[in-house]
């Protein structure tokens, strides 16, 4: 994408960083358009090779679009997911809150 241009790489990463901060801030209250916001984050992260971020956004996108999360504020997006209403892949559900020690 940047053809080895270090200056362009820094510029692209700075743009991604600014966008990601804004999207995560918007997602902190789990708005009704969370699916759209997480889809945007997923695509941007994949474009720069931040596949861990993209995978996390994909999981939140699936869950928000499937209405498995309730629209309520979460002060910490890194907290464990609520138990899903129906079976889903373990990679997208995170640790089961009932399994916490």
Protein backbone atom coordinates (compact mmCIF):
# COMPACT_ATOMS: atom_id res chain seq x y z
CA UNK A 1 0.00 0.00 0.00
CA UNK A 2 2.78 2.46 0.84
CA UNK A 3 5.47 0.87 -1.32
CA UNK A 4 8.03 1.20 1.49
CA UNK A 5 7.58 4.96 1.88
CA UNK A 6 8.15 5.44 5.63
CA UNK A 7 6.62 8.91 5.65
CA UNK A 8 3.47 7.64 3.97
CA UNK A 9 3.34 4.68 6.37
CA UNK A 10 3.42 7.07 9.34
CA UNK A 11 0.70 9.20 7.76
CA UNK A 12 -1.57 6.18 7.12
CA UNK A 13 -1.03 4.85 10.66
CA UNK A 14 -1.77 8.29 12.13
CA UNK A 15 -4.99 8.47 10.12
CA UNK A 16 -5.99 4.99 11.30
CA UNK A 17 -5.15 5.84 14.90
CA UNK A 18 -7.28 8.99 14.85
CA UNK A 19 -10.17 7.15 13.21
CA UNK A 20 -9.93 4.22 15.64
CA UNK A 21 -9.94 6.51 18.69
CA UNK A 22 -13.07 8.23 17.39
CA UNK A 23 -14.84 4.97 16.58
CA UNK A 24 -14.02 3.35 19.93
CA UNK A 25 -15.20 6.49 21.68
CA UNK A 26 -18.47 6.35 19.78
CA UNK A 27 -18.84 2.63 20.52
CA UNK A 28 -18.36 3.14 24.27
CA UNK A 29 -22.11 3.73 24.65
CA UNK A 30 -23.09 0.98 22.16
CA UNK A 31 -25.22 3.21 19.93
CA UNK A 32 -27.88 1.84 17.59
CA UNK A 33 -25.42 2.12 14.68
CA UNK A 34 -22.74 0.02 16.44
CA UNK A 35 -22.79 -2.50 13.57
CA UNK A 36 -21.90 0.19 11.05
CA UNK A 37 -19.19 1.67 13.27
CA UNK A 38 -17.59 -1.71 13.95
CA UNK A 39 -17.75 -2.59 10.25
CA UNK A 40 -15.83 0.61 9.49
CA UNK A 41 -13.23 -0.17 12.14
CA UNK A 42 -12.88 -3.74 10.87
CA UNK A 43 -12.22 -2.61 7.29
CA UNK A 44 -9.75 0.08 8.26
CA UNK A 45 -7.86 -2.27 10.55
CA UNK A 46 -7.60 -4.95 7.86
CA UNK A 47 -6.36 -2.37 5.37
CA UNK A 48 -3.33 -1.59 7.52
CA UNK A 49 -2.71 -5.15 8.70
CA UNK A 50 -4.04 -4.74 12.25
CA UNK A 51 -5.73 -8.12 12.10
CA UNK A 52 -6.24 -8.49 15.86
CA UNK A 53 -8.18 -5.22 15.93
CA UNK A 54 -10.11 -6.30 12.83
CA UNK A 55 -11.03 -9.64 14.42
CA UNK A 56 -12.25 -7.96 17.60
CA UNK A 57 -14.30 -5.47 15.57
CA UNK A 58 -15.75 -8.32 13.49
CA UNK A 59 -16.91 -10.08 16.64
CA UNK A 60 -18.55 -6.94 17.97
CA UNK A 61 -20.11 -6.30 14.57
CA UNK A 62 -21.66 -9.76 14.44
CA UNK A 63 -22.93 -9.52 17.99
CA UNK A 64 -24.34 -6.02 17.61
CA UNK A 65 -26.07 -6.85 14.35
CA UNK A 66 -27.51 -10.02 15.88
CA UNK A 67 -28.88 -7.98 18.81
CA UNK A 68 -27.04 -10.21 21.28
CA UNK A 69 -25.86 -7.16 23.15
CA UNK A 70 -28.21 -4.71 24.73
CA UNK A 71 -27.89 -1.02 24.03
CA UNK A 72 -26.45 0.08 27.35
CA UNK A 73 -23.27 1.96 28.16
CA UNK A 74 -20.20 -0.08 28.98
CA UNK A 75 -17.40 1.89 30.59
CA UNK A 76 -14.82 -0.68 29.47
CA UNK A 77 -15.15 -2.28 26.02
CA UNK A 78 -12.51 -4.84 27.01
CA UNK A 79 -14.77 -6.39 29.66
CA UNK A 80 -16.00 -9.97 29.08
CA UNK A 81 -18.97 -10.37 26.79
CA UNK A 82 -22.38 -11.20 28.21
CA UNK A 83 -23.37 -14.82 27.71
CA UNK A 84 -24.78 -15.13 24.15
CA UNK A 85 -28.47 -15.82 23.69
CA UNK A 86 -27.69 -18.63 21.26
CA UNK A 87 -24.59 -20.67 20.42
CA UNK A 88 -21.85 -18.78 18.64
CA UNK A 89 -18.17 -19.26 18.04
CA UNK A 90 -15.97 -19.08 21.13
CA UNK A 91 -13.62 -16.63 19.42
CA UNK A 92 -16.36 -14.02 19.22
CA UNK A 93 -17.85 -14.50 22.65
CA UNK A 94 -14.73 -14.07 24.72
CA UNK A 95 -14.55 -15.59 28.16
CA UNK A 96 -17.81 -16.67 29.72
CA UNK A 97 -18.44 -14.30 32.67
CA UNK A 98 -19.61 -17.27 34.74
CA UNK A 99 -16.14 -18.86 34.30
CA UNK A 100 -14.29 -15.94 35.93
CA UNK A 101 -12.23 -16.75 38.99
